[in-house]
N, C-alpha and C. Protein backbone atom coordinates (compact mmCIF):
# COMPACT_ATOMS: atom_id res chain seq x y z
N MET A 1 0.93 -0.92 -0.39
CA MET A 1 -0.11 0.03 0.05
C MET A 1 1.20 1.27 0.16
N LYS A 2 0.76 2.43 -0.50
CA LYS A 2 0.95 3.67 -1.17
C LYS A 2 0.64 4.31 0.54
N ASN A 3 2.19 4.71 1.35
CA ASN A 3 1.95 5.68 2.83
C ASN A 3 2.58 6.07 2.54
N GLN A 4 3.61 7.20 0.78
CA GLN A 4 4.11 8.72 0.89
C GLN A 4 3.42 8.78 0.17
N THR A 5 3.45 10.71 0.13
CA THR A 5 2.80 11.40 -1.54
C THR A 5 3.37 12.63 -0.71
N THR A 6 3.08 13.48 -1.60
CA THR A 6 3.90 15.12 -1.40
C THR A 6 2.80 15.50 -1.41
N VAL A 7 3.25 17.23 -0.80
CA VAL A 7 1.84 17.92 0.00
C VAL A 7 3.06 19.13 -0.55
N MET A 8 2.10 19.99 -0.79
CA MET A 8 2.31 21.85 -1.15
C MET A 8 1.47 22.06 0.83
N LEU A 9 1.94 23.71 1.28
CA LEU A 9 1.29 23.86 2.39
C LEU A 9 1.75 25.30 2.90
N PRO A 10 1.08 25.93 1.66
CA PRO A 10 1.68 27.94 0.93
C PRO A 10 1.01 28.50 2.14
N ALA A 11 0.50 28.71 2.26
CA ALA A 11 -0.23 29.25 3.03
C ALA A 11 -0.25 28.78 4.76
N ILE A 12 -0.68 29.62 5.94
CA ILE A 12 -0.96 29.46 7.53
C ILE A 12 -1.63 28.99 7.51
N ASN A 13 -2.74 29.22 7.26
CA ASN A 13 -4.17 28.47 7.61
C ASN A 13 -4.12 27.33 6.98
N ASP A 14 -3.46 26.94 5.53
CA ASP A 14 -3.16 25.49 4.66
C ASP A 14 -2.38 24.53 5.89
N VAL A 15 -1.14 24.85 6.63
CA VAL A 15 -0.56 24.43 7.73
C VAL A 15 -1.73 24.30 8.37
N LYS A 16 -2.65 24.50 9.24
CA LYS A 16 -3.32 24.87 10.86
C LYS A 16 -4.42 23.82 10.15
N ASN A 17 -5.30 23.90 9.32
CA ASN A 17 -6.15 22.78 8.57
C ASN A 17 -5.38 21.40 8.70
N PHE A 18 -4.48 20.87 7.78
CA PHE A 18 -3.03 20.03 7.74
C PHE A 18 -2.99 19.45 8.60
N VAL A 19 -2.50 19.85 9.57
CA VAL A 19 -1.85 20.06 10.84
C VAL A 19 -4.01 19.12 11.96
N SER A 20 -4.75 19.22 11.56
CA SER A 20 -5.17 19.44 12.06
C SER A 20 -6.17 18.43 11.68
N GLU A 21 -6.16 17.50 10.20
CA GLU A 21 -6.50 16.10 9.71
C GLU A 21 -5.66 15.43 10.08
N VAL A 22 -4.28 15.72 10.56
CA VAL A 22 -3.08 14.38 10.42
C VAL A 22 -3.10 14.41 11.85
N THR A 23 -3.52 15.47 12.82
CA THR A 23 -4.01 14.19 14.07
C THR A 23 -4.54 13.46 14.69
N LEU A 24 -5.86 13.49 13.90
CA LEU A 24 -7.19 12.80 13.86
C LEU A 24 -6.22 10.97 13.94
N CYS A 25 -4.89 10.91 13.03
CA CYS A 25 -3.97 9.45 12.60
C CYS A 25 -3.95 9.09 13.84
N ASP A 26 -3.28 7.80 14.40
CA ASP A 26 -2.75 7.00 15.20
C ASP A 26 -1.84 6.38 15.14
N TYR A 27 -0.65 6.98 14.09
CA TYR A 27 -0.44 6.31 13.59
C TYR A 27 0.91 7.56 13.57
N ASP A 28 2.38 7.69 13.57
CA ASP A 28 3.45 8.76 13.52
C ASP A 28 3.64 9.09 11.75
N VAL A 29 3.12 10.39 11.36
CA VAL A 29 3.75 11.25 9.72
C VAL A 29 4.42 11.80 10.11
N ASP A 30 4.66 11.65 9.25
CA ASP A 30 7.22 13.02 8.93
C ASP A 30 6.58 13.36 7.76
N LEU A 31 6.53 14.43 7.54
CA LEU A 31 7.08 15.85 6.54
C LEU A 31 8.41 15.74 5.99
N ILE A 32 9.34 15.52 5.28
CA ILE A 32 10.59 15.77 4.55
C ILE A 32 11.07 16.52 3.63
N SER A 33 12.49 18.03 4.31
CA SER A 33 12.30 18.77 3.18
C SER A 33 14.09 18.60 3.64
N GLY A 34 14.20 17.92 2.22
CA GLY A 34 15.52 17.81 2.60
C GLY A 34 16.41 17.16 3.42
N ARG A 35 17.52 17.55 4.50
CA ARG A 35 17.45 16.33 5.41
C ARG A 35 16.89 16.53 6.57
N TYR A 36 16.11 17.92 6.69
CA TYR A 36 15.26 17.57 7.32
C TYR A 36 13.89 17.11 7.96
N ALA A 37 13.41 16.38 8.91
CA ALA A 37 12.08 15.71 8.98
C ALA A 37 11.33 16.21 10.43
N VAL A 38 9.98 16.11 10.05
CA VAL A 38 9.49 16.97 11.44
C VAL A 38 8.35 16.15 11.39
N ASP A 39 7.06 16.52 12.92
CA ASP A 39 6.22 15.42 12.93
C ASP A 39 4.89 15.84 12.48
N ALA A 40 4.61 15.67 11.56
CA ALA A 40 3.45 16.43 10.70
C ALA A 40 1.93 16.87 11.28
N LYS A 41 2.25 16.54 13.41
CA LYS A 41 1.67 17.10 14.06
C LYS A 41 1.82 18.33 14.63
N SER A 42 2.90 18.99 13.98
CA SER A 42 3.38 19.91 14.75
C SER A 42 3.40 21.01 14.35
N ILE A 43 2.46 21.29 14.70
CA ILE A 43 2.50 23.30 13.64
C ILE A 43 4.53 23.66 13.45
N MET A 44 4.82 24.20 14.41
CA MET A 44 5.83 24.52 14.91
C MET A 44 7.40 24.39 14.05
N GLY A 45 6.78 22.71 13.77
CA GLY A 45 7.95 21.91 13.08
C GLY A 45 8.15 22.05 11.64
N ILE A 46 6.94 22.02 11.16
CA ILE A 46 5.96 21.79 10.32
C ILE A 46 6.40 23.76 9.02
N PHE A 47 6.66 24.66 10.97
CA PHE A 47 6.76 26.46 9.99
C PHE A 47 8.87 26.04 10.09
N SER A 48 9.71 25.25 10.49
CA SER A 48 10.42 25.67 10.61
C SER A 48 11.14 24.51 9.80
N LEU A 49 10.37 24.31 8.26
CA LEU A 49 10.67 23.50 6.45
C LEU A 49 9.98 25.08 6.05
N ASP A 50 11.12 24.57 4.73
CA ASP A 50 11.05 25.62 3.52
C ASP A 50 9.37 25.02 2.84
N LEU A 51 8.27 25.81 3.16
CA LEU A 51 7.43 26.00 2.98
C LEU A 51 6.91 26.35 0.98
N SER A 52 7.37 26.66 0.67
CA SER A 52 7.69 27.69 -0.92
C SER A 52 8.09 26.21 -1.35
N LYS A 53 8.94 24.96 -1.15
CA LYS A 53 8.90 23.91 -1.70
C LYS A 53 7.39 22.88 -1.77
N PRO A 54 7.79 21.95 -2.51
CA PRO A 54 6.87 20.64 -2.30
C PRO A 54 7.66 20.00 -1.14
N ILE A 55 6.82 19.19 -0.12
CA ILE A 55 7.62 18.37 0.69
C ILE A 55 6.84 16.81 0.73
N LYS A 56 7.78 16.18 0.90
CA LYS A 56 7.34 14.98 1.27
C LYS A 56 7.07 14.68 2.26
N LEU A 57 5.94 13.50 2.66
CA LEU A 57 5.86 12.69 3.52
C LEU A 57 5.16 11.38 3.63
N GLU A 58 5.16 11.23 5.20
CA GLU A 58 5.58 9.75 5.35
C GLU A 58 4.51 9.52 5.85
N ALA A 59 3.94 8.95 6.06
CA ALA A 59 3.53 8.00 6.73
C ALA A 59 3.40 6.62 7.35
N GLN A 60 3.50 6.59 9.24
CA GLN A 60 4.53 5.45 9.62
C GLN A 60 2.85 4.05 9.53
N THR A 61 2.40 3.84 8.38
CA THR A 61 1.31 3.25 8.52
C THR A 61 1.40 2.10 7.03
N ASP A 62 0.52 1.24 7.41
CA ASP A 62 0.90 -0.46 5.76
C ASP A 62 -0.61 0.62 4.50
N ASP A 63 -1.28 1.40 5.14
CA ASP A 63 -2.02 2.35 4.24
C ASP A 63 -3.02 3.50 4.38
N ALA A 64 -1.87 3.79 4.00
CA ALA A 64 -3.13 6.16 4.63
C ALA A 64 -3.70 6.07 3.71
N SER A 65 -4.40 5.61 3.10
CA SER A 65 -5.56 5.88 2.38
C SER A 65 -6.58 6.84 2.57
N GLU A 66 -7.26 6.26 4.01
CA GLU A 66 -7.89 7.36 4.53
C GLU A 66 -7.63 8.99 5.03
N LEU A 67 -5.72 9.30 5.37
CA LEU A 67 -5.22 10.15 5.36
C LEU A 67 -5.00 10.92 4.27
N PHE A 68 -4.87 10.37 3.10
CA PHE A 68 -4.24 10.87 1.90
C PHE A 68 -5.69 12.03 1.53
N GLU A 69 -7.02 10.90 1.50
CA GLU A 69 -8.31 11.08 1.02
C GLU A 69 -8.41 12.55 1.96
N ARG A 70 -8.71 12.55 3.28
CA ARG A 70 -8.57 13.43 3.68
C ARG A 70 -7.70 14.67 4.17
N ILE A 71 -6.78 14.28 2.83
CA ILE A 71 -5.90 15.57 2.95
C ILE A 71 -5.77 16.36 1.60
N LYS A 72 -6.26 15.91 0.63
CA LYS A 72 -6.44 15.61 -0.39
C LYS A 72 -6.13 17.46 -1.48
N GLN A 73 -6.52 18.01 -0.92
CA GLN A 73 -6.50 19.56 -1.52
C GLN A 73 -4.88 20.48 -1.04
N TYR A 74 -4.17 18.89 -0.39
CA TYR A 74 -3.04 19.91 -0.56
C TYR A 74 -1.38 18.60 -0.95
N ILE A 75 -2.69 17.90 -1.75
CA ILE A 75 -1.03 16.57 -2.23
C ILE A 75 -1.26 17.50 -3.94
N VAL A 76 0.65 17.17 -3.76
CA VAL A 76 0.62 17.74 -5.69
C VAL A 76 1.71 15.97 -6.38
N GLU A 77 1.62 15.97 -7.08
CA GLU A 77 2.30 15.06 -8.31
C GLU A 77 2.86 15.30 -8.73
């Protein structure tokens, strides 16, 4: 199953809404930008990344389809 995707979070409200959706997961979700990895449930962690570029998302689960459906507006391919 797919557990990785790429997201864009260009605005402050996007980050807040994204975190509120990811927080509903009972597994870890990481955002990776270059050599930095942060907890996707941490607003402060996300703001430490370069939000002008796409960010890799890794869900620590076998099936992240429910999460991907909830955050589909932030997913870029």
